[in-house]
C-alpha atoms as a PDB file:
ATOM      1  CA  MET A   1     256.574 -19.824  -7.793  1.00  0.00           C
ATOM      2  CA  ARG A   2     254.264 -17.861  -5.745  1.00  0.00           C
ATOM      3  CA  ARG A   3     251.989 -20.665  -4.940  1.00  0.00           C
ATOM      4  CA  LEU A   4     254.974 -22.707  -3.802  1.00  0.00           C
ATOM      5  CA  HIS A   5     255.734 -19.865  -1.217  1.00  0.00           C
ATOM      6  CA  ARG A   6     252.230 -19.743   0.098  1.00  0.00           C
ATOM      7  CA  ARG A   7     252.349 -23.569   0.664  1.00  0.00           C
ATOM      8  CA  PHE A   8     255.478 -23.264   2.636  1.00  0.00           C
ATOM      9  CA  ALA A   9     254.170 -20.279   4.446  1.00  0.00           C
ATOM     10  CA  SER A  10     251.021 -22.329   5.414  1.00  0.00           C
ATOM     11  CA  LEU A  11     253.106 -25.515   6.309  1.00  0.00           C
ATOM     12  CA  ALA A  12     255.196 -23.199   8.466  1.00  0.00           C
ATOM     13  CA  ALA A  13     252.286 -21.808  10.270  1.00  0.00           C
ATOM     14  CA  ILE A  14     250.574 -25.068  10.979  1.00  0.00           C
ATOM     15  CA  SER A  15     253.943 -26.523  12.083  1.00  0.00           C
ATOM     16  CA  ALA A  16     254.369 -23.642  14.523  1.00  0.00           C
ATOM     17  CA  PHE A  17     250.865 -24.149  15.759  1.00  0.00           C
ATOM     18  CA  VAL A  18     251.377 -27.914  16.323  1.00  0.00           C
ATOM     19  CA  PHE A  19     254.816 -27.320  18.028  1.00  0.00           C
ATOM     20  CA  VAL A  20     253.504 -24.660  20.418  1.00  0.00           C
ATOM     21  CA  THR A  21     250.176 -26.739  21.213  1.00  0.00           C
ATOM     22  CA  GLY A  22     252.585 -29.837  21.842  1.00  0.00           C
ATOM     23  CA  CYS A  23     254.915 -27.898  24.082  1.00  0.00           C
ATOM     24  CA  GLY A  24     252.032 -26.853  26.221  1.00  0.00           C
ATOM     25  CA  GLU A  25     251.028 -30.291  26.563  1.00  0.00           C
ATOM     26  CA  VAL A  26     254.469 -31.550  27.535  1.00  0.00           C
ATOM     27  CA  ASN A  27     254.569 -28.746  30.099  1.00  0.00           C
ATOM     28  CA  SER A  28     251.434 -29.574  31.611  1.00  0.00           C
ATOM     29  CA  THR A  29     252.543 -33.350  31.853  1.00  0.00           C
ATOM     30  CA  ILE A  30     255.688 -32.258  33.625  1.00  0.00           C
ATOM     31  CA  ASP A  31     253.757 -30.067  36.114  1.00  0.00           C
ATOM     32  CA  LYS A  32     251.621 -33.177  36.823  1.00  0.00           C
ATOM     33  CA  ALA A  33     254.395 -35.288  37.286  1.00  0.00           C
ATOM     34  CA  GLN A  34     256.293 -32.915  39.388  1.00  0.00           C
ATOM     35  CA  ALA A  35     253.084 -32.496  41.726  1.00  0.00           C
ATOM     36  CA  CYS A  36     252.796 -36.240  41.881  1.00  0.00           C
ATOM     37  CA  LEU A  37     256.175 -36.539  43.298  1.00  0.00           C
ATOM     38  CA  GLU A  38     256.128 -33.440  45.515  1.00  0.00           C
ATOM     39  CA  ALA A  39     252.700 -33.813  47.098  1.00  0.00           C
ATOM     40  CA  PRO A  40     253.181 -37.151  48.859  1.00  0.00           C
ATOM     41  CA  LYS A  41     256.699 -36.270  49.889  1.00  0.00           C
ATOM     42  CA  ILE A  42     255.460 -33.070  51.685  1.00  0.00           C
ATOM     43  CA  VAL A  43     252.886 -34.971  53.652  1.00  0.00           C
ATOM     44  CA  ALA A  44     255.277 -37.821  54.329  1.00  0.00           C
ATOM     45  CA  ASP A  45     257.696 -35.282  55.701  1.00  0.00           C
ATOM     46  CA  LEU A  46     255.004 -33.797  58.071  1.00  0.00           C
ATOM     47  CA  THR A  47     253.778 -37.138  59.416  1.00  0.00           C
ATOM     48  CA  ALA A  48     257.485 -38.152  60.254  1.00  0.00           C
ATOM     49  CA  GLN A  49     257.809 -34.902  62.272  1.00  0.00           C
ATOM     50  CA  LEU A  50     254.451 -35.144  64.107  1.00  0.00           C
ATOM     51  CA  THR A  51     255.398 -37.759  66.609  1.00  0.00           C
ATOM     52  CA  SER A  52     258.625 -35.879  67.548  1.00  0.00           C
ATOM     53  CA  LEU A  53     256.678 -32.709  68.012  1.00  0.00           C
ATOM     54  CA  ALA A  54     253.876 -34.085  70.122  1.00  0.00           C
ATOM     55  CA  ASN A  55     255.329 -32.314  73.237  1.00  0.00           C
ATOM     56  CA  ASP A  56     256.033 -29.052  71.622  1.00  0.00           C
ATOM     57  CA  PRO A  57     252.762 -27.490  70.489  1.00  0.00           C
ATOM     58  CA  GLN A  58     254.449 -24.453  68.994  1.00  0.00           C
ATOM     59  CA  ALA A  59     256.865 -26.383  66.925  1.00  0.00           C
ATOM     60  CA  MET A  60     253.884 -28.564  65.664  1.00  0.00           C
ATOM     61  CA  GLU A  61     251.888 -25.409  64.631  1.00  0.00           C
ATOM     62  CA  LYS A  62     254.827 -24.175  62.725  1.00  0.00           C
ATOM     63  CA  ALA A  63     255.127 -27.476  61.012  1.00  0.00           C
ATOM     64  CA  LEU A  64     251.531 -27.470  60.063  1.00  0.00           C
ATOM     65  CA  ASP A  65     251.684 -23.988  58.748  1.00  0.00           C
ATOM     66  CA  ASP A  66     254.865 -24.705  56.765  1.00  0.00           C
ATOM     67  CA  THR A  67     253.417 -27.740  55.272  1.00  0.00           C
ATOM     68  CA  ALA A  68     250.303 -25.753  54.287  1.00  0.00           C
ATOM     69  CA  ALA A  69     252.415 -23.168  52.578  1.00  0.00           C
ATOM     70  CA  LYS A  70     254.126 -25.972  50.649  1.00  0.00           C
ATOM     71  CA  LEU A  71     250.856 -27.444  49.601  1.00  0.00           C
ATOM     72  CA  ASN A  72     249.736 -24.205  48.555  1.00  0.00           C
ATOM     73  CA  ASP A  73     252.723 -23.944  46.218  1.00  0.00           C
ATOM     74  CA  VAL A  74     251.991 -27.449  44.772  1.00  0.00           C
ATOM     75  CA  ALA A  75     248.405 -26.397  44.237  1.00  0.00           C
ATOM     76  CA  ASP A  76     249.482 -23.232  42.433  1.00  0.00           C
ATOM     77  CA  GLN A  77     251.767 -25.148  40.116  1.00  0.00           C
ATOM     78  CA  ALA A  78     249.575 -28.312  39.628  1.00  0.00           C
ATOM     79  CA  ALA A  79     248.202 -28.797  36.090  1.00  0.00           C
ATOM     80  CA  ASN A  80     245.817 -31.381  37.377  1.00  0.00           C
ATOM     81  CA  THR A  81     242.500 -29.971  38.896  1.00  0.00           C
ATOM     82  CA  THR A  82     242.241 -32.961  41.360  1.00  0.00           C
ATOM     83  CA  ILE A  83     245.708 -32.385  42.728  1.00  0.00           C
ATOM     84  CA  LYS A  84     245.150 -28.724  42.896  1.00  0.00           C
ATOM     85  CA  GLU A  85     241.943 -28.896  44.664  1.00  0.00           C
ATOM     86  CA  ALA A  86     243.149 -31.723  47.182  1.00  0.00           C
ATOM     87  CA  SER A  87     246.214 -29.604  47.977  1.00  0.00           C
ATOM     88  CA  ASP A  88     244.185 -26.553  48.424  1.00  0.00           C
ATOM     89  CA  ASP A  89     241.869 -28.385  50.739  1.00  0.00           C
ATOM     90  CA  LEU A  90     244.585 -29.972  52.875  1.00  0.00           C
ATOM     91  CA  ALA A  91     246.519 -26.817  53.094  1.00  0.00           C
ATOM     92  CA  ALA A  92     243.408 -25.089  54.457  1.00  0.00           C
ATOM     93  CA  THR A  93     242.681 -28.006  56.985  1.00  0.00           C
ATOM     94  CA  LEU A  94     246.247 -27.746  58.285  1.00  0.00           C
ATOM     95  CA  SER A  95     246.293 -23.955  58.683  1.00  0.00           C
ATOM     96  CA  GLY A  96     242.989 -24.192  60.554  1.00  0.00           C
ATOM     97  CA  ILE A  97     244.493 -26.480  63.084  1.00  0.00           C
ATOM     98  CA  ASN A  98     245.260 -24.660  66.317  1.00  0.00           C
ATOM     99  CA  VAL A  99     247.861 -26.437  68.627  1.00  0.00           C
ATOM    100  CA  GLN A 100     248.070 -24.650  71.999  1.00  0.00           C
ATOM    101  CA  SER A 101     248.567 -27.596  74.260  1.00  0.00           C
ATOM    102  CA  VAL A 102     249.952 -30.975  74.364  1.00  0.00           C
ATOM    103  CA  ASN A 103     246.234 -32.290  74.398  1.00  0.00           C
ATOM    104  CA  ASP A 104     245.706 -30.152  71.095  1.00  0.00           C
ATOM    105  CA  ALA A 105     248.800 -31.691  69.578  1.00  0.00           C
ATOM    106  CA  VAL A 106     247.695 -35.241  70.078  1.00  0.00           C
ATOM    107  CA  ASP A 107     244.305 -34.282  68.521  1.00  0.00           C
ATOM    108  CA  ALA A 108     246.186 -32.581  65.789  1.00  0.00           C
ATOM    109  CA  ALA A 109     248.308 -35.640  65.083  1.00  0.00           C
ATOM    110  CA  GLN A 110     245.101 -37.883  64.664  1.00  0.00           C
ATOM    111  CA  LYS A 111     243.404 -35.416  62.499  1.00  0.00           C
ATOM    112  CA  VAL A 112     246.356 -34.923  60.212  1.00  0.00           C
ATOM    113  CA  GLY A 113     246.927 -38.656  60.126  1.00  0.00           C
ATOM    114  CA  ALA A 114     243.305 -39.218  58.795  1.00  0.00           C
ATOM    115  CA  ASP A 115     243.302 -36.043  56.473  1.00  0.00           C
ATOM    116  CA  THR A 116     246.565 -36.895  55.044  1.00  0.00           C
ATOM    117  CA  ALA A 117     245.807 -40.466  54.149  1.00  0.00           C
ATOM    118  CA  ALA A 118     242.641 -39.213  52.335  1.00  0.00           C
ATOM    119  CA  TYR A 119     244.732 -36.610  50.524  1.00  0.00           C
ATOM    120  CA  VAL A 120     247.366 -39.241  49.447  1.00  0.00           C
ATOM    121  CA  GLN A 121     244.715 -41.465  48.130  1.00  0.00           C
ATOM    122  CA  LYS A 122     243.351 -38.493  46.049  1.00  0.00           C
ATOM    123  CA  VAL A 123     246.695 -37.685  44.709  1.00  0.00           C
ATOM    124  CA  THR A 124     247.567 -41.138  43.897  1.00  0.00           C
ATOM    125  CA  GLU A 125     244.263 -41.774  41.803  1.00  0.00           C
ATOM    126  CA  ALA A 126     244.888 -38.512  39.931  1.00  0.00           C
ATOM    127  CA  CYS A 127     248.516 -39.371  39.175  1.00  0.00           C
ATOM    128  CA  THR A 128     247.666 -42.954  38.108  1.00  0.00           C
ATOM    129  CA  GLY A 129     244.514 -42.241  36.325  1.00  0.00           C
END
């Protein structure tokens, strides 16, 4: 009888380990899926705003900073290293852009367009690969 009890205890321990390990993997997949959905949406929202903010440097600066903060949140939650690094890099780029004049706004819009295109390509590769 004691032998049977040990077997059940061993089976229970192994089952618990497999269950906990499996749940971690599922959470990681959910985090990646969430990041794959959120990241492109954040960037699309920014690019949609840029044209309307071209004549308002302060509003554009705020939009860039707000987007950088959202990307930092995605980076903090991303289970995928590529998504995390790409989000951190784009957030740093956006935070570093200074928009003081209408000319700066035009330059910023061009830079953001190029950088966000590269970002979306990295995220797409990470999400589909």
